[in-house]
């Protein structure tokens, strides 16, 4: 069992930056791949970024590649999402997730989910 708690969301102007954190409970954190997803009002939850259990591999959605960076600190049981050059289209609730599935850009690859943190980007 892994409990995930996101933080770091807020209101930012377009072009600004935010750093999201996801703190995990349990010693098994280092065994899980981690992902970030987001859900805007009236839209499906969509994949944002993924990092492997070791941190050796990362993948990004095309819409955020080059602007967002995912990282993890297994000693702190925490995964991060650094978001730069934010756009109004990035406004959504951001969720972190833990899992061991192979289809990293799909929800079914993840077994545990946080409650989400709101990110609002004003124009």
PDB file of N, CA and C in Angstrom:
ATOM      1  N   UNK A   1       0.844  -1.182   0.000  1.00  0.00           N
ATOM      2  CA  UNK A   1       0.000   0.000   0.000  1.00  0.00           C
ATOM      3  C   UNK A   1       0.887   1.243   0.000  1.00  0.00           C
ATOM      4  N   UNK A   2       0.569   2.186  -0.871  1.00  0.00           N
ATOM      5  CA  UNK A   2       1.307   3.439  -0.971  1.00  0.00           C
ATOM      6  C   UNK A   2       0.313   4.584  -0.875  1.00  0.00           C
ATOM      7  N   UNK A   3       0.548   5.496   0.022  1.00  0.00           N
ATOM      8  CA  UNK A   3      -0.275   6.695   0.156  1.00  0.00           C
ATOM      9  C   UNK A   3       0.476   7.860  -0.457  1.00  0.00           C
ATOM     10  N   UNK A   4      -0.181   8.600  -1.350  1.00  0.00           N
ATOM     11  CA  UNK A   4       0.457   9.695  -2.072  1.00  0.00           C
ATOM     12  C   UNK A   4      -0.231  11.012  -1.744  1.00  0.00           C
ATOM     13  N   UNK A   5       0.563  12.036  -1.475  1.00  0.00           N
ATOM     14  CA  UNK A   5       0.018  13.355  -1.158  1.00  0.00           C
ATOM     15  C   UNK A   5       0.752  14.401  -1.989  1.00  0.00           C
ATOM     16  N   UNK A   6       0.003  15.082  -2.857  1.00  0.00           N
ATOM     17  CA  UNK A   6       0.576  16.122  -3.698  1.00  0.00           C
ATOM     18  C   UNK A   6       0.547  17.476  -2.996  1.00  0.00           C
ATOM     19  N   UNK A   7       1.474  18.338  -3.382  1.00  0.00           N
ATOM     20  CA  UNK A   7       1.504  19.714  -2.887  1.00  0.00           C
ATOM     21  C   UNK A   7       2.216  20.581  -3.907  1.00  0.00           C
ATOM     22  N   UNK A   8       2.112  21.897  -3.715  1.00  0.00           N
ATOM     23  CA  UNK A   8       2.838  22.828  -4.570  1.00  0.00           C
ATOM     24  C   UNK A   8       2.007  23.517  -5.629  1.00  0.00           C
ATOM     25  N   UNK A   9       0.749  23.150  -5.736  1.00  0.00           N
ATOM     26  CA  UNK A   9      -0.098  23.807  -6.711  1.00  0.00           C
ATOM     27  C   UNK A   9      -0.411  25.234  -6.308  1.00  0.00           C
ATOM     28  N   UNK A  10      -1.033  25.974  -7.226  1.00  0.00           N
ATOM     29  CA  UNK A  10      -1.398  27.349  -6.925  1.00  0.00           C
ATOM     30  C   UNK A  10      -1.750  28.113  -8.172  1.00  0.00           C
ATOM     31  N   UNK A  11      -1.810  29.436  -8.022  1.00  0.00           N
ATOM     32  CA  UNK A  11      -2.129  30.342  -9.116  1.00  0.00           C
ATOM     33  C   UNK A  11      -0.850  31.013  -9.589  1.00  0.00           C
ATOM     34  N   UNK A  12      -0.622  30.991 -10.895  1.00  0.00           N
ATOM     35  CA  UNK A  12       0.576  31.586 -11.461  1.00  0.00           C
ATOM     36  C   UNK A  12       0.234  32.234 -12.793  1.00  0.00           C
ATOM     37  N   UNK A  13       0.961  33.272 -13.146  1.00  0.00           N
ATOM     38  CA  UNK A  13       0.742  33.915 -14.438  1.00  0.00           C
ATOM     39  C   UNK A  13       1.392  33.115 -15.552  1.00  0.00           C
ATOM     40  N   UNK A  14       0.873  33.273 -16.736  1.00  0.00           N
ATOM     41  CA  UNK A  14       1.460  32.609 -17.898  1.00  0.00           C
ATOM     42  C   UNK A  14       2.941  32.984 -18.018  1.00  0.00           C
ATOM     43  N   UNK A  15       3.742  31.977 -18.325  1.00  0.00           N
ATOM     44  CA  UNK A  15       5.187  32.170 -18.384  1.00  0.00           C
ATOM     45  C   UNK A  15       5.903  31.863 -17.092  1.00  0.00           C
ATOM     46  N   UNK A  16       5.139  31.708 -16.017  1.00  0.00           N
ATOM     47  CA  UNK A  16       5.725  31.438 -14.712  1.00  0.00           C
ATOM     48  C   UNK A  16       6.042  29.968 -14.502  1.00  0.00           C
ATOM     49  N   UNK A  17       6.473  29.667 -13.276  1.00  0.00           N
ATOM     50  CA  UNK A  17       6.896  28.305 -12.934  1.00  0.00           C
ATOM     51  C   UNK A  17       6.260  27.861 -11.622  1.00  0.00           C
ATOM     52  N   UNK A  18       6.101  26.563 -11.505  1.00  0.00           N
ATOM     53  CA  UNK A  18       5.682  25.931 -10.255  1.00  0.00           C
ATOM     54  C   UNK A  18       6.421  24.610 -10.129  1.00  0.00           C
ATOM     55  N   UNK A  19       6.604  24.186  -8.885  1.00  0.00           N
ATOM     56  CA  UNK A  19       7.194  22.871  -8.633  1.00  0.00           C
ATOM     57  C   UNK A  19       6.232  22.072  -7.772  1.00  0.00           C
ATOM     58  N   UNK A  20       5.719  21.008  -8.337  1.00  0.00           N
ATOM     59  CA  UNK A  20       4.840  20.118  -7.591  1.00  0.00           C
ATOM     60  C   UNK A  20       5.660  19.030  -6.904  1.00  0.00           C
ATOM     61  N   UNK A  21       5.202  18.643  -5.734  1.00  0.00           N
ATOM     62  CA  UNK A  21       5.810  17.536  -5.000  1.00  0.00           C
ATOM     63  C   UNK A  21       4.757  16.487  -4.713  1.00  0.00           C
ATOM     64  N   UNK A  22       5.203  15.256  -4.635  1.00  0.00           N
ATOM     65  CA  UNK A  22       4.316  14.143  -4.283  1.00  0.00           C
ATOM     66  C   UNK A  22       5.065  13.294  -3.265  1.00  0.00           C
ATOM     67  N   UNK A  23       4.592  13.348  -2.025  1.00  0.00           N
ATOM     68  CA  UNK A  23       5.218  12.591  -0.949  1.00  0.00           C
ATOM     69  C   UNK A  23       4.520  11.249  -0.788  1.00  0.00           C
ATOM     70  N   UNK A  24       5.299  10.202  -0.706  1.00  0.00           N
ATOM     71  CA  UNK A  24       4.752   8.854  -0.615  1.00  0.00           C
ATOM     72  C   UNK A  24       5.092   8.221   0.724  1.00  0.00           C
ATOM     73  N   UNK A  25       4.153   7.463   1.236  1.00  0.00           N
ATOM     74  CA  UNK A  25       4.406   6.690   2.443  1.00  0.00           C
ATOM     75  C   UNK A  25       4.824   5.286   2.046  1.00  0.00           C
ATOM     76  N   UNK A  26       5.502   4.585   2.924  1.00  0.00           N
ATOM     77  CA  UNK A  26       5.834   3.204   2.663  1.00  0.00           C
ATOM     78  C   UNK A  26       7.215   3.018   2.064  1.00  0.00           C
ATOM     79  N   UNK A  27       7.879   1.962   2.496  1.00  0.00           N
ATOM     80  CA  UNK A  27       9.232   1.688   2.021  1.00  0.00           C
ATOM     81  C   UNK A  27       9.251   1.176   0.596  1.00  0.00           C
ATOM     82  N   UNK A  28       8.072   0.803   0.049  1.00  0.00           N
ATOM     83  CA  UNK A  28       8.019   0.249  -1.294  1.00  0.00           C
ATOM     84  C   UNK A  28       8.087   1.310  -2.372  1.00  0.00           C
ATOM     85  N   UNK A  29       8.115   2.583  -1.977  1.00  0.00           N
ATOM     86  CA  UNK A  29       8.102   3.669  -2.964  1.00  0.00           C
ATOM     87  C   UNK A  29       9.170   3.476  -4.024  1.00  0.00           C
ATOM     88  N   UNK A  30      10.372   3.078  -3.589  1.00  0.00           N
ATOM     89  CA  UNK A  30      11.486   3.002  -4.525  1.00  0.00           C
ATOM     90  C   UNK A  30      11.315   1.878  -5.548  1.00  0.00           C
ATOM     91  N   UNK A  31      10.321   1.018  -5.334  1.00  0.00           N
ATOM     92  CA  UNK A  31      10.086  -0.088  -6.266  1.00  0.00           C
ATOM     93  C   UNK A  31       9.106   0.290  -7.375  1.00  0.00           C
ATOM     94  N   UNK A  32       8.454   1.435  -7.238  1.00  0.00           N
ATOM     95  CA  UNK A  32       7.397   1.817  -8.165  1.00  0.00           C
ATOM     96  C   UNK A  32       7.847   2.852  -9.184  1.00  0.00           C
ATOM     97  N   UNK A  33       7.361   2.676 -10.408  1.00  0.00           N
ATOM     98  CA  UNK A  33       7.406   3.770 -11.363  1.00  0.00           C
ATOM     99  C   UNK A  33       6.405   4.829 -10.915  1.00  0.00           C
ATOM    100  N   UNK A  34       6.681   6.067 -11.265  1.00  0.00           N
ATOM    101  CA  UNK A  34       5.805   7.160 -10.850  1.00  0.00           C
ATOM    102  C   UNK A  34       5.358   7.975 -12.052  1.00  0.00           C
ATOM    103  N   UNK A  35       4.141   8.455 -11.985  1.00  0.00           N
ATOM    104  CA  UNK A  35       3.615   9.266 -13.067  1.00  0.00           C
ATOM    105  C   UNK A  35       2.891  10.490 -12.555  1.00  0.00           C
ATOM    106  N   UNK A  36       2.800  11.485 -13.419  1.00  0.00           N
ATOM    107  CA  UNK A  36       1.961  12.662 -13.179  1.00  0.00           C
ATOM    108  C   UNK A  36       0.900  12.689 -14.285  1.00  0.00           C
ATOM    109  N   UNK A  37      -0.319  12.922 -13.872  1.00  0.00           N
ATOM    110  CA  UNK A  37      -1.436  13.106 -14.786  1.00  0.00           C
ATOM    111  C   UNK A  37      -2.117  14.415 -14.433  1.00  0.00           C
ATOM    112  N   UNK A  38      -2.967  14.890 -15.315  1.00  0.00           N
ATOM    113  CA  UNK A  38      -3.739  16.096 -15.020  1.00  0.00           C
ATOM    114  C   UNK A  38      -5.131  15.977 -15.611  1.00  0.00           C
ATOM    115  N   UNK A  39      -6.054  16.704 -14.996  1.00  0.00           N
ATOM    116  CA  UNK A  39      -7.428  16.688 -15.460  1.00  0.00           C
ATOM    117  C   UNK A  39      -7.994  18.098 -15.400  1.00  0.00           C
ATOM    118  N   UNK A  40      -8.340  18.616 -16.569  1.00  0.00           N
ATOM    119  CA  UNK A  40      -8.973  19.928 -16.668  1.00  0.00           C
ATOM    120  C   UNK A  40     -10.486  19.757 -16.594  1.00  0.00           C
ATOM    121  N   UNK A  41     -11.207  20.805 -16.218  1.00  0.00           N
ATOM    122  CA  UNK A  41     -12.666  20.697 -16.106  1.00  0.00           C
ATOM    123  C   UNK A  41     -13.293  20.219 -17.414  1.00  0.00           C
ATOM    124  N   UNK A  42     -14.128  19.202 -17.312  1.00  0.00           N
ATOM    125  CA  UNK A  42     -14.841  18.694 -18.476  1.00  0.00           C
ATOM    126  C   UNK A  42     -14.004  17.835 -19.408  1.00  0.00           C
ATOM    127  N   UNK A  43     -12.775  17.522 -19.004  1.00  0.00           N
ATOM    128  CA  UNK A  43     -11.895  16.734 -19.860  1.00  0.00           C
ATOM    129  C   UNK A  43     -11.464  15.450 -19.154  1.00  0.00           C
ATOM    130  N   UNK A  44     -10.968  14.510 -19.961  1.00  0.00           N
ATOM    131  CA  UNK A  44     -10.445  13.277 -19.422  1.00  0.00           C
ATOM    132  C   UNK A  44      -9.104  13.529 -18.724  1.00  0.00           C
ATOM    133  N   UNK A  45      -8.795  12.663 -17.762  1.00  0.00           N
ATOM    134  CA  UNK A  45      -7.481  12.730 -17.128  1.00  0.00           C
ATOM    135  C   UNK A  45      -6.430  12.312 -18.148  1.00  0.00           C
ATOM    136  N   UNK A  46      -5.374  13.089 -18.270  1.00  0.00           N
ATOM    137  CA  UNK A  46      -4.377  12.814 -19.295  1.00  0.00           C
ATOM    138  C   UNK A  46      -2.977  12.689 -18.710  1.00  0.00           C
ATOM    139  N   UNK A  47      -2.179  11.902 -19.374  1.00  0.00           N
ATOM    140  CA  UNK A  47      -0.800  11.665 -18.987  1.00  0.00           C
ATOM    141  C   UNK A  47       0.037  12.926 -19.168  1.00  0.00           C
ATOM    142  N   UNK A  48       0.928  13.163 -18.213  1.00  0.00           N
ATOM    143  CA  UNK A  48       1.842  14.302 -18.286  1.00  0.00           C
ATOM    144  C   UNK A  48       3.298  13.826 -18.344  1.00  0.00           C
ATOM    145  N   UNK A  49       3.695  13.005 -17.360  1.00  0.00           N
ATOM    146  CA  UNK A  49       5.102  12.602 -17.280  1.00  0.00           C
ATOM    147  C   UNK A  49       5.230  11.312 -16.490  1.00  0.00           C
ATOM    148  N   UNK A  50       6.333  10.604 -16.736  1.00  0.00           N
ATOM    149  CA  UNK A  50       6.599   9.326 -16.086  1.00  0.00           C
ATOM    150  C   UNK A  50       8.084   9.225 -15.768  1.00  0.00           C
ATOM    151  N   UNK A  51       8.370   8.597 -14.636  1.00  0.00           N
ATOM    152  CA  UNK A  51       9.760   8.319 -14.285  1.00  0.00           C
ATOM    153  C   UNK A  51       9.840   6.890 -13.764  1.00  0.00           C
ATOM    154  N   UNK A  52      10.848   6.174 -14.195  1.00  0.00           N
ATOM    155  CA  UNK A  52      10.994   4.789 -13.773  1.00  0.00           C
ATOM    156  C   UNK A  52      11.411   4.710 -12.302  1.00  0.00           C
ATOM    157  N   UNK A  53      11.339   3.495 -11.747  1.00  0.00           N
ATOM    158  CA  UNK A  53      11.613   3.319 -10.331  1.00  0.00           C
ATOM    159  C   UNK A  53      13.019   3.788  -9.954  1.00  0.00           C
ATOM    160  N   UNK A  54      13.967   3.631 -10.868  1.00  0.00           N
ATOM    161  CA  UNK A  54      15.351   4.016 -10.586  1.00  0.00           C
ATOM    162  C   UNK A  54      15.633   5.473 -10.907  1.00  0.00           C
ATOM    163  N   UNK A  55      14.707   6.100 -11.640  1.00  0.00           N
ATOM    164  CA  UNK A  55      14.949   7.452 -12.127  1.00  0.00           C
ATOM    165  C   UNK A  55      15.731   7.483 -13.424  1.00  0.00           C
ATOM    166  N   UNK A  56      16.039   6.320 -13.965  1.00  0.00           N
ATOM    167  CA  UNK A  56      16.862   6.267 -15.154  1.00  0.00           C
ATOM    168  C   UNK A  56      16.145   6.572 -16.454  1.00  0.00           C
ATOM    169  N   UNK A  57      14.837   6.467 -16.449  1.00  0.00           N
ATOM    170  CA  UNK A  57      14.060   6.731 -17.658  1.00  0.00           C
ATOM    171  C   UNK A  57      12.934   7.698 -17.354  1.00  0.00           C
ATOM    172  N   UNK A  58      12.744   8.637 -18.255  1.00  0.00           N
ATOM    173  CA  UNK A  58      11.637   9.584 -18.140  1.00  0.00           C
ATOM    174  C   UNK A  58      10.944   9.715 -19.490  1.00  0.00           C
ATOM    175  N   UNK A  59       9.654   9.989 -19.425  1.00  0.00           N
ATOM    176  CA  UNK A  59       8.853  10.185 -20.633  1.00  0.00           C
ATOM    177  C   UNK A  59       7.881  11.324 -20.379  1.00  0.00           C
ATOM    178  N   UNK A  60       7.545  12.035 -21.452  1.00  0.00           N
ATOM    179  CA  UNK A  60       6.678  13.195 -21.330  1.00  0.00           C
ATOM    180  C   UNK A  60       5.620  13.212 -22.419  1.00  0.00           C
ATOM    181  N   UNK A  61       4.487  13.810 -22.092  1.00  0.00           N
ATOM    182  CA  UNK A  61       3.508  14.109 -23.120  1.00  0.00           C
ATOM    183  C   UNK A  61       4.090  15.183 -24.032  1.00  0.00           C
ATOM    184  N   UNK A  62       3.694  15.135 -25.290  1.00  0.00           N
ATOM    185  CA  UNK A  62       4.223  16.087 -26.272  1.00  0.00           C
ATOM    186  C   UNK A  62       3.924  17.528 -25.872  1.00  0.00           C
ATOM    187  N   UNK A  63       2.789  17.731 -25.217  1.00  0.00           N
ATOM    188  CA  UNK A  63       2.358  19.081 -24.875  1.00  0.00           C
ATOM    189  C   UNK A  63       3.215  19.731 -23.790  1.00  0.00           C
ATOM    190  N   UNK A  64       3.977  18.933 -23.039  1.00  0.00           N
ATOM    191  CA  UNK A  64       4.781  19.502 -21.954  1.00  0.00           C
ATOM    192  C   UNK A  64       6.267  19.282 -22.141  1.00  0.00           C
ATOM    193  N   UNK A  65       6.644  18.504 -23.118  1.00  0.00           N
ATOM    194  CA  UNK A  65       8.062  18.186 -23.324  1.00  0.00           C
ATOM    195  C   UNK A  65       8.858  19.461 -23.570  1.00  0.00           C
ATOM    196  N   UNK A  66       9.963  19.577 -22.858  1.00  0.00           N
ATOM    197  CA  UNK A  66      10.790  20.775 -22.967  1.00  0.00           C
ATOM    198  C   UNK A  66      10.430  21.854 -21.975  1.00  0.00           C
ATOM    199  N   UNK A  67       9.267  21.739 -21.342  1.00  0.00           N
ATOM    200  CA  UNK A  67       8.838  22.725 -20.333  1.00  0.00           C
ATOM    201  C   UNK A  67       8.764  22.113 -18.935  1.00  0.00           C
ATOM    202  N   UNK A  68       8.389  20.843 -18.860  1.00  0.00           N
ATOM    203  CA  UNK A  68       8.239  20.164 -17.572  1.00  0.00           C
ATOM    204  C   UNK A  68       9.364  19.160 -17.381  1.00  0.00           C
ATOM    205  N   UNK A  69       9.755  18.959 -16.118  1.00  0.00           N
ATOM    206  CA  UNK A  69      10.772  17.970 -15.782  1.00  0.00           C
ATOM    207  C   UNK A  69      10.315  17.164 -14.575  1.00  0.00           C
ATOM    208  N   UNK A  70      10.318  15.858 -14.722  1.00  0.00           N
ATOM    209  CA  UNK A  70       9.976  14.969 -13.620  1.00  0.00           C
ATOM    210  C   UNK A  70      11.264  14.436 -13.007  1.00  0.00           C
ATOM    211  N   UNK A  71      11.270  14.315 -11.695  1.00  0.00           N
ATOM    212  CA  UNK A  71      12.431  13.768 -10.999  1.00  0.00           C
ATOM    213  C   UNK A  71      11.942  13.089  -9.721  1.00  0.00           C
ATOM    214  N   UNK A  72      12.830  12.355  -9.081  1.00  0.00           N
ATOM    215  CA  UNK A  72      12.462  11.677  -7.847  1.00  0.00           C
ATOM    216  C   UNK A  72      13.666  11.598  -6.916  1.00  0.00           C
ATOM    217  N   UNK A  73      13.355  11.550  -5.634  1.00  0.00           N
ATOM    218  CA  UNK A  73      14.364  11.362  -4.597  1.00  0.00           C
ATOM    219  C   UNK A  73      13.891  10.186  -3.753  1.00  0.00           C
ATOM    220  N   UNK A  74      14.451   9.022  -4.021  1.00  0.00           N
ATOM    221  CA  UNK A  74      13.986   7.826  -3.316  1.00  0.00           C
ATOM    222  C   UNK A  74      14.330   7.858  -1.829  1.00  0.00           C
ATOM    223  N   UNK A  75      15.354   8.604  -1.465  1.00  0.00           N
ATOM    224  CA  UNK A  75      15.688   8.720  -0.041  1.00  0.00           C
ATOM    225  C   UNK A  75      14.637   9.516   0.713  1.00  0.00           C
ATOM    226  N   UNK A  76      13.938  10.395   0.000  1.00  0.00           N
ATOM    227  CA  UNK A  76      12.900  11.220   0.609  1.00  0.00           C
ATOM    228  C   UNK A  76      11.499  10.743   0.261  1.00  0.00           C
ATOM    229  N   UNK A  77      11.399   9.643  -0.479  1.00  0.00           N
ATOM    230  CA  UNK A  77      10.091   9.128  -0.899  1.00  0.00           C
ATOM    231  C   UNK A  77       9.255  10.199  -1.595  1.00  0.00           C
ATOM    232  N   UNK A  78       9.879  10.945  -2.477  1.00  0.00           N
ATOM    233  CA  UNK A  78       9.203  12.069  -3.105  1.00  0.00           C
ATOM    234  C   UNK A  78       9.498  12.115  -4.601  1.00  0.00           C
ATOM    235  N   UNK A  79       8.470  12.447  -5.359  1.00  0.00           N
ATOM    236  CA  UNK A  79       8.626  12.704  -6.786  1.00  0.00           C
ATOM    237  C   UNK A  79       8.219  14.152  -7.042  1.00  0.00           C
ATOM    238  N   UNK A  80       8.879  14.771  -8.007  1.00  0.00           N
ATOM    239  CA  UNK A  80       8.663  16.183  -8.291  1.00  0.00           C
ATOM    240  C   UNK A  80       8.250  16.389  -9.747  1.00  0.00           C
ATOM    241  N   UNK A  81       7.578  17.498  -9.970  1.00  0.00           N
ATOM    242  CA  UNK A  81       7.290  17.929 -11.334  1.00  0.00           C
ATOM    243  C   UNK A  81       7.595  19.419 -11.394  1.00  0.00           C
ATOM    244  N   UNK A  82       8.708  19.752 -12.040  1.00  0.00           N
ATOM    245  CA  UNK A  82       9.072  21.150 -12.255  1.00  0.00           C
ATOM    246  C   UNK A  82       8.387  21.616 -13.527  1.00  0.00           C
ATOM    247  N   UNK A  83       7.588  22.666 -13.411  1.00  0.00           N
ATOM    248  CA  UNK A  83       6.824  23.159 -14.548  1.00  0.00           C
ATOM    249  C   UNK A  83       7.259  24.575 -14.863  1.00  0.00           C
ATOM    250  N   UNK A  84       7.817  24.773 -16.033  1.00  0.00           N
ATOM    251  CA  UNK A  84       8.264  26.088 -16.482  1.00  0.00           C
ATOM    252  C   UNK A  84       7.457  26.542 -17.691  1.00  0.00           C
ATOM    253  N   UNK A  85       7.549  27.822 -17.992  1.00  0.00           N
ATOM    254  CA  UNK A  85       6.853  28.393 -19.155  1.00  0.00           C
ATOM    255  C   UNK A  85       5.385  27.958 -19.165  1.00  0.00           C
ATOM    256  N   UNK A  86       4.739  28.106 -18.045  1.00  0.00           N
ATOM    257  CA  UNK A  86       3.359  27.639 -17.933  1.00  0.00           C
ATOM    258  C   UNK A  86       2.432  28.437 -18.831  1.00  0.00           C
ATOM    259  N   UNK A  87       1.432  27.737 -19.339  1.00  0.00           N
ATOM    260  CA  UNK A  87       0.443  28.304 -20.248  1.00  0.00           C
ATOM    261  C   UNK A  87      -0.941  28.119 -19.647  1.00  0.00           C
ATOM    262  N   UNK A  88      -1.899  28.964 -20.030  1.00  0.00           N
ATOM    263  CA  UNK A  88      -3.267  28.783 -19.510  1.00  0.00           C
ATOM    264  C   UNK A  88      -3.805  27.375 -19.764  1.00  0.00           C
ATOM    265  N   UNK A  89      -3.349  26.743 -20.835  1.00  0.00           N
ATOM    266  CA  UNK A  89      -3.810  25.380 -21.158  1.00  0.00           C
ATOM    267  C   UNK A  89      -3.293  24.340 -20.171  1.00  0.00           C
ATOM    268  N   UNK A  90      -2.348  24.703 -19.336  1.00  0.00           N
ATOM    269  CA  UNK A  90      -1.847  23.792 -18.309  1.00  0.00           C
ATOM    270  C   UNK A  90      -2.719  23.788 -17.061  1.00  0.00           C
ATOM    271  N   UNK A  91      -3.716  24.644 -17.020  1.00  0.00           N
ATOM    272  CA  UNK A  91      -4.617  24.694 -15.879  1.00  0.00           C
ATOM    273  C   UNK A  91      -5.360  23.374 -15.713  1.00  0.00           C
ATOM    274  N   UNK A  92      -5.233  22.767 -14.543  1.00  0.00           N
ATOM    275  CA  UNK A  92      -5.845  21.467 -14.284  1.00  0.00           C
ATOM    276  C   UNK A  92      -5.552  21.061 -12.849  1.00  0.00           C
ATOM    277  N   UNK A  93      -6.192  19.996 -12.428  1.00  0.00           N
ATOM    278  CA  UNK A  93      -5.800  19.319 -11.189  1.00  0.00           C
ATOM    279  C   UNK A  93      -4.731  18.295 -11.571  1.00  0.00           C
ATOM    280  N   UNK A  94      -3.628  18.331 -10.861  1.00  0.00           N
ATOM    281  CA  UNK A  94      -2.506  17.444 -11.151  1.00  0.00           C
ATOM    282  C   UNK A  94      -2.456  16.328 -10.118  1.00  0.00           C
ATOM    283  N   UNK A  95      -2.335  15.098 -10.621  1.00  0.00           N
ATOM    284  CA  UNK A  95      -2.314  13.912  -9.776  1.00  0.00           C
ATOM    285  C   UNK A  95      -0.997  13.168  -9.948  1.00  0.00           C
ATOM    286  N   UNK A  96      -0.456  12.670  -8.861  1.00  0.00           N
ATOM    287  CA  UNK A  96       0.660  11.741  -8.993  1.00  0.00           C
ATOM    288  C   UNK A  96       0.135  10.327  -8.778  1.00  0.00           C
ATOM    289  N   UNK A  97       0.870   9.374  -9.329  1.00  0.00           N
ATOM    290  CA  UNK A  97       0.441   7.989  -9.287  1.00  0.00           C
ATOM    291  C   UNK A  97       1.651   7.071  -9.212  1.00  0.00           C
ATOM    292  N   UNK A  98       1.451   5.916  -8.599  1.00  0.00           N
ATOM    293  CA  UNK A  98       2.513   4.920  -8.457  1.00  0.00           C
ATOM    294  C   UNK A  98       2.037   3.594  -9.021  1.00  0.00           C
ATOM    295  N   UNK A  99       2.916   2.890  -9.712  1.00  0.00           N
ATOM    296  CA  UNK A  99       2.534   1.607 -10.253  1.00  0.00           C
ATOM    297  C   UNK A  99       3.694   0.890 -10.906  1.00  0.00           C
ATOM    298  N   UNK A 100       3.402  -0.279 -11.436  1.00  0.00           N
ATOM    299  CA  UNK A 100       4.441  -1.083 -12.072  1.00  0.00           C
ATOM    300  C   UNK A 100       4.037  -1.549 -13.462  1.00  0.00           C
ATOM    301  N   UNK A 101       2.974  -0.981 -14.005  1.00  0.00           N
ATOM    302  CA  UNK A 101       2.547  -1.347 -15.345  1.00  0.00           C
ATOM    303  C   UNK A 101       3.496  -0.849 -16.416  1.00  0.00           C
ATOM    304  N   UNK A 102       3.383  -1.451 -17.582  1.00  0.00           N
ATOM    305  CA  UNK A 102       4.310  -1.130 -18.662  1.00  0.00           C
ATOM    306  C   UNK A 102       3.813   0.004 -19.556  1.00  0.00           C
ATOM    307  N   UNK A 103       2.518   0.189 -19.639  1.00  0.00           N
ATOM    308  CA  UNK A 103       1.980   1.250 -20.499  1.00  0.00           C
ATOM    309  C   UNK A 103       1.955   2.557 -19.714  1.00  0.00           C
ATOM    310  N   UNK A 104       3.097   3.165 -19.593  1.00  0.00           N
ATOM    311  CA  UNK A 104       3.320   4.253 -18.649  1.00  0.00           C
ATOM    312  C   UNK A 104       2.437   5.473 -18.881  1.00  0.00           C
ATOM    313  N   UNK A 105       1.908   5.624 -20.085  1.00  0.00           N
ATOM    314  CA  UNK A 105       1.101   6.812 -20.379  1.00  0.00           C
ATOM    315  C   UNK A 105      -0.392   6.539 -20.242  1.00  0.00           C
ATOM    316  N   UNK A 106      -0.737   5.423 -19.630  1.00  0.00           N
ATOM    317  CA  UNK A 106      -2.141   5.090 -19.412  1.00  0.00           C
ATOM    318  C   UNK A 106      -2.428   4.946 -17.930  1.00  0.00           C
ATOM    319  N   UNK A 107      -3.658   5.215 -17.553  1.00  0.00           N
ATOM    320  CA  UNK A 107      -4.035   5.150 -16.138  1.00  0.00           C
ATOM    321  C   UNK A 107      -3.900   3.738 -15.585  1.00  0.00           C
ATOM    322  N   UNK A 108      -4.104   2.738 -16.411  1.00  0.00           N
ATOM    323  CA  UNK A 108      -4.091   1.360 -15.905  1.00  0.00           C
ATOM    324  C   UNK A 108      -2.697   0.893 -15.503  1.00  0.00           C
ATOM    325  N   UNK A 109      -1.669   1.657 -15.828  1.00  0.00           N
ATOM    326  CA  UNK A 109      -0.310   1.282 -15.422  1.00  0.00           C
ATOM    327  C   UNK A 109      -0.038   1.616 -13.959  1.00  0.00           C
ATOM    328  N   UNK A 110      -0.988   2.306 -13.316  1.00  0.00           N
ATOM    329  CA  UNK A 110      -0.765   2.811 -11.964  1.00  0.00           C
ATOM    330  C   UNK A 110      -1.823   2.275 -11.013  1.00  0.00           C
ATOM    331  N   UNK A 111      -1.366   1.893  -9.834  1.00  0.00           N
ATOM    332  CA  UNK A 111      -2.249   1.286  -8.845  1.00  0.00           C
ATOM    333  C   UNK A 111      -2.671   2.247  -7.744  1.00  0.00           C
ATOM    334  N   UNK A 112      -1.853   3.267  -7.496  1.00  0.00           N
ATOM    335  CA  UNK A 112      -2.120   4.175  -6.385  1.00  0.00           C
ATOM    336  C   UNK A 112      -2.138   5.606  -6.901  1.00  0.00           C
ATOM    337  N   UNK A 113      -3.058   6.398  -6.356  1.00  0.00           N
ATOM    338  CA  UNK A 113      -3.245   7.773  -6.814  1.00  0.00           C
ATOM    339  C   UNK A 113      -3.367   8.704  -5.619  1.00  0.00           C
ATOM    340  N   UNK A 114      -2.836   9.920  -5.816  1.00  0.00           N
ATOM    341  CA  UNK A 114      -3.051  10.961  -4.820  1.00  0.00           C
ATOM    342  C   UNK A 114      -4.376  11.664  -5.049  1.00  0.00           C
ATOM    343  N   UNK A 115      -4.649  12.645  -4.188  1.00  0.00           N
ATOM    344  CA  UNK A 115      -5.912  13.381  -4.256  1.00  0.00           C
ATOM    345  C   UNK A 115      -5.857  14.540  -5.236  1.00  0.00           C
ATOM    346  N   UNK A 116      -4.675  14.934  -5.632  1.00  0.00           N
ATOM    347  CA  UNK A 116      -4.546  15.994  -6.612  1.00  0.00           C
ATOM    348  C   UNK A 116      -4.263  17.355  -6.006  1.00  0.00           C
ATOM    349  N   UNK A 117      -3.641  18.219  -6.813  1.00  0.00           N
ATOM    350  CA  UNK A 117      -3.379  19.602  -6.423  1.00  0.00           C
ATOM    351  C   UNK A 117      -3.722  20.499  -7.609  1.00  0.00           C
ATOM    352  N   UNK A 118      -4.391  21.607  -7.321  1.00  0.00           N
ATOM    353  CA  UNK A 118      -4.882  22.487  -8.381  1.00  0.00           C
ATOM    354  C   UNK A 118      -3.768  23.408  -8.869  1.00  0.00           C
ATOM    355  N   UNK A 119      -3.632  23.479 -10.172  1.00  0.00           N
ATOM    356  CA  UNK A 119      -2.732  24.435 -10.820  1.00  0.00           C
ATOM    357  C   UNK A 119      -3.579  25.318 -11.728  1.00  0.00           C
ATOM    358  N   UNK A 120      -3.498  26.630 -11.516  1.00  0.00           N
ATOM    359  CA  UNK A 120      -4.238  27.570 -12.335  1.00  0.00           C
ATOM    360  C   UNK A 120      -3.256  28.574 -12.935  1.00  0.00           C
ATOM    361  N   UNK A 121      -3.287  28.683 -14.258  1.00  0.00           N
ATOM    362  CA  UNK A 121      -2.395  29.595 -14.965  1.00  0.00           C
ATOM    363  C   UNK A 121      -3.241  30.691 -15.601  1.00  0.00           C
ATOM    364  N   UNK A 122      -3.005  31.919 -15.197  1.00  0.00           N
ATOM    365  CA  UNK A 122      -3.779  33.035 -15.725  1.00  0.00           C
ATOM    366  C   UNK A 122      -3.062  33.652 -16.925  1.00  0.00           C
ATOM    367  N   UNK A 123      -3.857  34.180 -17.844  1.00  0.00           N
ATOM    368  CA  UNK A 123      -3.284  34.766 -19.068  1.00  0.00           C
ATOM    369  C   UNK A 123      -2.988  36.241 -18.885  1.00  0.00           C
TER     370      UNK A 123
END
